[in-house]
Amino acid sequence: MSKLAILLSLIAAFQILSCTSSHGCELKHSVEFNSNFYVDGDFPCKITLPDQSRLEFKDANLYYNDRPLGGVGYPISISLSSHGNYLYVNSGNGSEADNMLDIYELTEGGAIDKTSFYDDLKRRYKLLIGCDTGGEDPNLWGIGWEDDEQTIYILIQPIVRSDCGISTDFAVASVRISDGSLVSLDKAGTAKKKFKSYLPKAMIDSVR
């Protein structure tokens, strides 16, 4: 992706996420993952999107137009595709070392879960780094969008003290959300160059 394309996508993301919030919370631009905005403030937190649909974080759960989607925990970061039809949510368990990634297609009828490809992606990742497929599952983070805004970039990294790899054994996957098809899966050495604008500097510097 060119620097101009990245700049335009960031501008679009900022515009679409420059939405109203209440209950003492606000969206702030993520320093480490430049396509994400993190939710800063206390629960409950209500966010009104440009199409007037609503996200709400309360009681450790996420709601879309008052319908429960699932549990979340701080730290929380979100990113909405520029077309407004896809949303991903990164949420921790009180730690930045653990993460749960949820992906949704936003429709008039509600939010549709788009994570059915996870098991296959985790299996492919384990094979990529030479780990037994029965090993512990890695963490997944949403880190950005392809130009078409239909493809998500996912950072994959072993959990802390994993029996399946160490922190520098990360990879980045490009996945087409509509059908869950894998576009590419790059190990750390390639990923740090290909996705340099999307990864934390410390992570890039950790790989020789």
C-alpha atoms as a PDB file:
ATOM      1  CA  MET A   1       0.000   0.000   0.000  1.00  0.00           C
ATOM      2  CA  SER A   2       1.388   3.435  -0.933  1.00  0.00           C
ATOM      3  CA  LYS A   3       1.946   6.203   1.636  1.00  0.00           C
ATOM      4  CA  LEU A   4      -0.742   8.278  -0.100  1.00  0.00           C
ATOM      5  CA  ALA A   5      -3.222   5.409   0.133  1.00  0.00           C
ATOM      6  CA  ILE A   6      -2.415   4.968   3.826  1.00  0.00           C
ATOM      7  CA  LEU A   7      -2.899   8.690   4.449  1.00  0.00           C
ATOM      8  CA  LEU A   8      -6.234   8.713   2.627  1.00  0.00           C
ATOM      9  CA  SER A   9      -7.438   5.645   4.507  1.00  0.00           C
ATOM     10  CA  LEU A  10      -6.492   7.263   7.832  1.00  0.00           C
ATOM     11  CA  ILE A  11      -8.341  10.451   6.910  1.00  0.00           C
ATOM     12  CA  ALA A  12     -11.397   8.408   5.954  1.00  0.00           C
ATOM     13  CA  ALA A  13     -11.188   6.405   9.171  1.00  0.00           C
ATOM     14  CA  PHE A  14     -10.890   9.577  11.251  1.00  0.00           C
ATOM     15  CA  GLN A  15     -13.876  11.141   9.514  1.00  0.00           C
ATOM     16  CA  ILE A  16     -16.071   8.091   9.931  1.00  0.00           C
ATOM     17  CA  LEU A  17     -15.097   7.666  13.568  1.00  0.00           C
ATOM     18  CA  SER A  18     -15.389  11.336  14.429  1.00  0.00           C
ATOM     19  CA  CYS A  19     -18.695  10.504  16.015  1.00  0.00           C
ATOM     20  CA  THR A  20     -20.436  11.510  19.195  1.00  0.00           C
ATOM     21  CA  SER A  21     -19.886   9.687  22.460  1.00  0.00           C
ATOM     22  CA  SER A  22     -21.322  10.066  25.914  1.00  0.00           C
ATOM     23  CA  HIS A  23     -20.925   9.008  29.542  1.00  0.00           C
ATOM     24  CA  GLY A  24     -17.423  10.443  29.815  1.00  0.00           C
ATOM     25  CA  CYS A  25     -15.785   8.344  27.125  1.00  0.00           C
ATOM     26  CA  GLU A  26     -14.190   9.305  23.836  1.00  0.00           C
ATOM     27  CA  LEU A  27     -12.321   7.840  20.906  1.00  0.00           C
ATOM     28  CA  LYS A  28      -8.616   8.576  20.691  1.00  0.00           C
ATOM     29  CA  HIS A  29      -6.262   7.709  17.891  1.00  0.00           C
ATOM     30  CA  SER A  30      -4.088   4.685  18.654  1.00  0.00           C
ATOM     31  CA  VAL A  31      -0.370   5.443  18.787  1.00  0.00           C
ATOM     32  CA  GLU A  32       0.764   1.862  18.144  1.00  0.00           C
ATOM     33  CA  PHE A  33      -1.808   0.730  15.566  1.00  0.00           C
ATOM     34  CA  ASN A  34      -2.481   3.692  13.312  1.00  0.00           C
ATOM     35  CA  SER A  35      -5.744   2.397  11.804  1.00  0.00           C
ATOM     36  CA  ASN A  36      -7.373   1.980  15.214  1.00  0.00           C
ATOM     37  CA  PHE A  37      -9.080   4.240  17.715  1.00  0.00           C
ATOM     38  CA  TYR A  38      -9.158   3.248  21.345  1.00  0.00           C
ATOM     39  CA  VAL A  39     -12.044   3.803  23.716  1.00  0.00           C
ATOM     40  CA  ASP A  40     -10.890   6.033  26.554  1.00  0.00           C
ATOM     41  CA  GLY A  41     -13.134   6.499  29.551  1.00  0.00           C
ATOM     42  CA  ASP A  42     -15.522   4.652  31.806  1.00  0.00           C
ATOM     43  CA  PHE A  43     -18.309   2.171  31.145  1.00  0.00           C
ATOM     44  CA  PRO A  44     -21.000   2.665  30.090  1.00  0.00           C
ATOM     45  CA  CYS A  45     -19.830   4.246  26.851  1.00  0.00           C
ATOM     46  CA  LYS A  46     -22.150   5.076  23.936  1.00  0.00           C
ATOM     47  CA  ILE A  47     -20.848   5.860  20.457  1.00  0.00           C
ATOM     48  CA  THR A  48     -23.113   7.108  17.673  1.00  0.00           C
ATOM     49  CA  LEU A  49     -21.822   6.282  14.200  1.00  0.00           C
ATOM     50  CA  PRO A  50     -22.338   8.587  11.189  1.00  0.00           C
ATOM     51  CA  ASP A  51     -25.357   6.558   9.984  1.00  0.00           C
ATOM     52  CA  GLN A  52     -26.872   7.078  13.467  1.00  0.00           C
ATOM     53  CA  SER A  53     -26.454   3.447  14.462  1.00  0.00           C
ATOM     54  CA  ARG A  54     -25.123   2.987  17.986  1.00  0.00           C
ATOM     55  CA  LEU A  55     -22.335   1.092  19.699  1.00  0.00           C
ATOM     56  CA  GLU A  56     -22.454   0.797  23.459  1.00  0.00           C
ATOM     57  CA  PHE A  57     -19.976  -0.696  25.893  1.00  0.00           C
ATOM     58  CA  LYS A  58     -21.563  -1.501  29.240  1.00  0.00           C
ATOM     59  CA  ASP A  59     -21.459  -4.258  31.854  1.00  0.00           C
ATOM     60  CA  ALA A  60     -18.394  -5.716  30.085  1.00  0.00           C
ATOM     61  CA  ASN A  61     -20.461  -6.284  26.944  1.00  0.00           C
ATOM     62  CA  LEU A  62     -20.745  -4.691  23.496  1.00  0.00           C
ATOM     63  CA  TYR A  63     -24.130  -3.726  22.075  1.00  0.00           C
ATOM     64  CA  TYR A  64     -25.095  -2.652  18.554  1.00  0.00           C
ATOM     65  CA  ASN A  65     -28.390  -0.763  18.383  1.00  0.00           C
ATOM     66  CA  ASP A  66     -29.206  -2.162  21.839  1.00  0.00           C
ATOM     67  CA  ARG A  67     -28.620  -5.777  20.771  1.00  0.00           C
ATOM     68  CA  PRO A  68     -25.887  -7.647  22.688  1.00  0.00           C
ATOM     69  CA  LEU A  69     -22.938  -8.863  20.617  1.00  0.00           C
ATOM     70  CA  GLY A  70     -20.581 -10.317  23.222  1.00  0.00           C
ATOM     71  CA  GLY A  71     -18.202  -9.650  26.064  1.00  0.00           C
ATOM     72  CA  VAL A  72     -15.418  -7.066  25.949  1.00  0.00           C
ATOM     73  CA  GLY A  73     -12.739  -5.853  28.336  1.00  0.00           C
ATOM     74  CA  TYR A  74     -10.254  -2.983  28.457  1.00  0.00           C
ATOM     75  CA  PRO A  75      -8.148  -2.040  26.639  1.00  0.00           C
ATOM     76  CA  ILE A  76     -10.595  -1.657  23.736  1.00  0.00           C
ATOM     77  CA  SER A  77      -9.835  -0.372  20.251  1.00  0.00           C
ATOM     78  CA  ILE A  78     -12.125  -0.238  17.237  1.00  0.00           C
ATOM     79  CA  SER A  79     -11.901   0.421  13.526  1.00  0.00           C
ATOM     80  CA  LEU A  80     -14.713   0.938  11.044  1.00  0.00           C
ATOM     81  CA  SER A  81     -14.210   0.447   7.312  1.00  0.00           C
ATOM     82  CA  SER A  82     -14.582   3.665   5.346  1.00  0.00           C
ATOM     83  CA  HIS A  83     -17.758   2.309   3.713  1.00  0.00           C
ATOM     84  CA  GLY A  84     -19.149   1.736   7.200  1.00  0.00           C
ATOM     85  CA  ASN A  85     -20.186  -1.854   6.523  1.00  0.00           C
ATOM     86  CA  TYR A  86     -17.504  -3.666   8.545  1.00  0.00           C
ATOM     87  CA  LEU A  87     -16.288  -3.159  12.095  1.00  0.00           C
ATOM     88  CA  TYR A  88     -13.610  -4.852  14.127  1.00  0.00           C
ATOM     89  CA  VAL A  89     -13.134  -4.627  17.877  1.00  0.00           C
ATOM     90  CA  ASN A  90      -9.958  -5.490  19.783  1.00  0.00           C
ATOM     91  CA  SER A  91     -10.516  -6.051  23.476  1.00  0.00           C
ATOM     92  CA  GLY A  92      -8.196  -7.233  26.220  1.00  0.00           C
ATOM     93  CA  ASN A  93      -8.712  -8.892  29.538  1.00  0.00           C
ATOM     94  CA  GLY A  94      -7.223  -6.053  31.516  1.00  0.00           C
ATOM     95  CA  SER A  95      -3.922  -6.583  29.719  1.00  0.00           C
ATOM     96  CA  GLU A  96      -2.350  -5.471  26.475  1.00  0.00           C
ATOM     97  CA  ALA A  97      -0.683  -8.894  26.213  1.00  0.00           C
ATOM     98  CA  ASP A  98      -3.964 -10.727  25.586  1.00  0.00           C
ATOM     99  CA  ASN A  99      -6.531  -9.823  22.974  1.00  0.00           C
ATOM    100  CA  MET A 100      -9.861 -10.926  21.577  1.00  0.00           C
ATOM    101  CA  LEU A 101     -10.703  -9.827  18.031  1.00  0.00           C
ATOM    102  CA  ASP A 102     -14.334  -9.563  16.946  1.00  0.00           C
ATOM    103  CA  ILE A 103     -15.335  -8.735  13.372  1.00  0.00           C
ATOM    104  CA  TYR A 104     -18.841  -7.715  12.313  1.00  0.00           C
ATOM    105  CA  GLU A 105     -20.750  -6.852   9.183  1.00  0.00           C
ATOM    106  CA  LEU A 106     -23.106  -4.002  10.050  1.00  0.00           C
ATOM    107  CA  THR A 107     -26.549  -4.241   8.440  1.00  0.00           C
ATOM    108  CA  GLU A 108     -29.947  -2.671   8.957  1.00  0.00           C
ATOM    109  CA  GLY A 109     -31.009  -5.877  10.659  1.00  0.00           C
ATOM    110  CA  GLY A 110     -28.083  -5.919  13.054  1.00  0.00           C
ATOM    111  CA  ALA A 111     -24.444  -6.945  13.334  1.00  0.00           C
ATOM    112  CA  ILE A 112     -23.390 -10.263  11.781  1.00  0.00           C
ATOM    113  CA  ASP A 113     -20.414 -12.146  13.210  1.00  0.00           C
ATOM    114  CA  LYS A 114     -17.707 -12.701  10.575  1.00  0.00           C
ATOM    115  CA  THR A 115     -15.170 -14.798  12.480  1.00  0.00           C
ATOM    116  CA  SER A 116     -15.981 -18.278  11.160  1.00  0.00           C
ATOM    117  CA  PHE A 117     -12.555 -18.429   9.481  1.00  0.00           C
ATOM    118  CA  TYR A 118     -10.614 -18.197  12.769  1.00  0.00           C
ATOM    119  CA  ASP A 119      -9.988 -21.908  13.303  1.00  0.00           C
ATOM    120  CA  ASP A 120      -8.565 -22.336   9.808  1.00  0.00           C
ATOM    121  CA  LEU A 121      -6.434 -19.196  10.131  1.00  0.00           C
ATOM    122  CA  LYS A 122      -4.947 -20.331  13.446  1.00  0.00           C
ATOM    123  CA  ARG A 123      -4.190 -23.773  11.990  1.00  0.00           C
ATOM    124  CA  ARG A 124      -2.441 -22.225   8.982  1.00  0.00           C
ATOM    125  CA  TYR A 125      -0.441 -19.931  11.258  1.00  0.00           C
ATOM    126  CA  LYS A 126       0.782 -22.831  13.400  1.00  0.00           C
ATOM    127  CA  LEU A 127       1.891 -24.711  10.303  1.00  0.00           C
ATOM    128  CA  LEU A 128       3.633 -21.569   9.039  1.00  0.00           C
ATOM    129  CA  ILE A 129       5.817 -21.228  12.143  1.00  0.00           C
ATOM    130  CA  GLY A 130       6.398 -24.967  12.485  1.00  0.00           C
ATOM    131  CA  CYS A 131       4.201 -25.503  15.527  1.00  0.00           C
ATOM    132  CA  ASP A 132       2.011 -28.525  16.224  1.00  0.00           C
ATOM    133  CA  THR A 133      -1.580 -27.744  15.235  1.00  0.00           C
ATOM    134  CA  GLY A 134      -2.664 -28.937  18.677  1.00  0.00           C
ATOM    135  CA  GLY A 135      -0.591 -26.214  20.351  1.00  0.00           C
ATOM    136  CA  GLU A 136      -2.028 -23.217  22.157  1.00  0.00           C
ATOM    137  CA  ASP A 137      -3.975 -20.781  20.013  1.00  0.00           C
ATOM    138  CA  PRO A 138      -2.363 -17.387  19.317  1.00  0.00           C
ATOM    139  CA  ASN A 139      -3.758 -13.930  19.930  1.00  0.00           C
ATOM    140  CA  LEU A 140      -5.375 -12.095  17.019  1.00  0.00           C
ATOM    141  CA  TRP A 141      -5.427  -8.305  16.575  1.00  0.00           C
ATOM    142  CA  GLY A 142      -7.140  -6.246  13.886  1.00  0.00           C
ATOM    143  CA  ILE A 143      -4.562  -3.716  12.646  1.00  0.00           C
ATOM    144  CA  GLY A 144      -6.018  -2.200   9.469  1.00  0.00           C
ATOM    145  CA  TRP A 145      -7.832  -2.414   6.159  1.00  0.00           C
ATOM    146  CA  GLU A 146      -6.842  -3.025   2.570  1.00  0.00           C
ATOM    147  CA  ASP A 147      -7.656  -0.282   0.041  1.00  0.00           C
ATOM    148  CA  ASP A 148     -10.855  -2.094  -0.931  1.00  0.00           C
ATOM    149  CA  GLU A 149     -12.074  -1.831   2.694  1.00  0.00           C
ATOM    150  CA  GLN A 150     -13.344  -5.419   2.357  1.00  0.00           C
ATOM    151  CA  THR A 151     -10.069  -7.033   3.469  1.00  0.00           C
ATOM    152  CA  ILE A 152      -8.798  -6.897   7.027  1.00  0.00           C
ATOM    153  CA  TYR A 153      -5.186  -7.101   8.203  1.00  0.00           C
ATOM    154  CA  ILE A 154      -4.822  -9.381  11.224  1.00  0.00           C
ATOM    155  CA  LEU A 155      -1.755  -9.583  13.449  1.00  0.00           C
ATOM    156  CA  ILE A 156      -1.203 -13.098  14.798  1.00  0.00           C
ATOM    157  CA  GLN A 157       1.126 -13.621  17.761  1.00  0.00           C
ATOM    158  CA  PRO A 158       1.692 -16.367  20.353  1.00  0.00           C
ATOM    159  CA  ILE A 159       0.199 -15.786  23.780  1.00  0.00           C
ATOM    160  CA  VAL A 160       2.556 -15.086  26.686  1.00  0.00           C
ATOM    161  CA  ARG A 161       4.466 -18.219  27.744  1.00  0.00           C
ATOM    162  CA  SER A 162       2.964 -20.149  24.848  1.00  0.00           C
ATOM    163  CA  ASP A 163       3.979 -23.712  23.985  1.00  0.00           C
ATOM    164  CA  CYS A 164       3.617 -22.638  20.360  1.00  0.00           C
ATOM    165  CA  GLY A 165       6.173 -19.957  19.497  1.00  0.00           C
ATOM    166  CA  ILE A 166       7.565 -16.792  21.058  1.00  0.00           C
ATOM    167  CA  SER A 167       6.673 -13.126  20.601  1.00  0.00           C
ATOM    168  CA  THR A 168       8.893 -12.667  17.539  1.00  0.00           C
ATOM    169  CA  ASP A 169       7.069 -15.518  15.772  1.00  0.00           C
ATOM    170  CA  PHE A 170       4.303 -13.159  14.714  1.00  0.00           C
ATOM    171  CA  ALA A 171       2.643 -13.086  11.311  1.00  0.00           C
ATOM    172  CA  VAL A 172       0.153 -10.859   9.493  1.00  0.00           C
ATOM    173  CA  ALA A 173      -2.794 -12.231   7.524  1.00  0.00           C
ATOM    174  CA  SER A 174      -4.926 -10.499   4.917  1.00  0.00           C
ATOM    175  CA  VAL A 175      -8.447 -11.917   4.967  1.00  0.00           C
ATOM    176  CA  ARG A 176     -11.422 -11.083   2.753  1.00  0.00           C
ATOM    177  CA  ILE A 177     -14.248 -10.630   5.243  1.00  0.00           C
ATOM    178  CA  SER A 178     -17.171 -11.484   2.957  1.00  0.00           C
ATOM    179  CA  ASP A 179     -16.179 -15.142   2.617  1.00  0.00           C
ATOM    180  CA  GLY A 180     -13.316 -15.518   5.093  1.00  0.00           C
ATOM    181  CA  SER A 181     -10.832 -16.392   2.348  1.00  0.00           C
ATOM    182  CA  LEU A 182      -7.138 -15.963   3.091  1.00  0.00           C
ATOM    183  CA  VAL A 183      -5.461 -13.535   0.692  1.00  0.00           C
ATOM    184  CA  SER A 184      -1.975 -13.750   2.203  1.00  0.00           C
ATOM    185  CA  LEU A 185      -0.177 -14.919   5.341  1.00  0.00           C
ATOM    186  CA  ASP A 186       3.293 -13.466   5.961  1.00  0.00           C
ATOM    187  CA  LYS A 187       5.847 -14.445   8.612  1.00  0.00           C
ATOM    188  CA  ALA A 188       7.523 -11.783  10.728  1.00  0.00           C
ATOM    189  CA  GLY A 189      10.460 -11.098   8.382  1.00  0.00           C
ATOM    190  CA  THR A 190       8.194 -10.280   5.463  1.00  0.00           C
ATOM    191  CA  ALA A 191       5.349  -8.827   7.515  1.00  0.00           C
ATOM    192  CA  LYS A 192       7.524  -6.186   9.192  1.00  0.00           C
ATOM    193  CA  LYS A 193       8.336  -4.737   5.756  1.00  0.00           C
ATOM    194  CA  LYS A 194       4.971  -5.246   4.085  1.00  0.00           C
ATOM    195  CA  PHE A 195       2.940  -3.907   7.024  1.00  0.00           C
ATOM    196  CA  LYS A 196       5.464  -1.478   8.486  1.00  0.00           C
ATOM    197  CA  SER A 197       2.907   1.329   8.682  1.00  0.00           C
ATOM    198  CA  TYR A 198       0.518  -0.850  10.675  1.00  0.00           C
ATOM    199  CA  LEU A 199       2.781  -2.467  13.269  1.00  0.00           C
ATOM    200  CA  PRO A 200       4.263  -1.052  16.496  1.00  0.00           C
ATOM    201  CA  LYS A 201       7.880   0.027  16.101  1.00  0.00           C
ATOM    202  CA  ALA A 202       8.990  -2.217  18.972  1.00  0.00           C
ATOM    203  CA  MET A 203       7.575  -5.226  17.176  1.00  0.00           C
ATOM    204  CA  ILE A 204       9.319  -4.317  13.925  1.00  0.00           C
ATOM    205  CA  ASP A 205      12.628  -3.742  15.718  1.00  0.00           C
ATOM    206  CA  SER A 206      12.384  -7.127  17.473  1.00  0.00           C
ATOM    207  CA  VAL A 207      12.829  -8.997  14.197  1.00  0.00           C
ATOM    208  CA  ARG A 208      16.237  -9.125  12.520  1.00  0.00           C
END
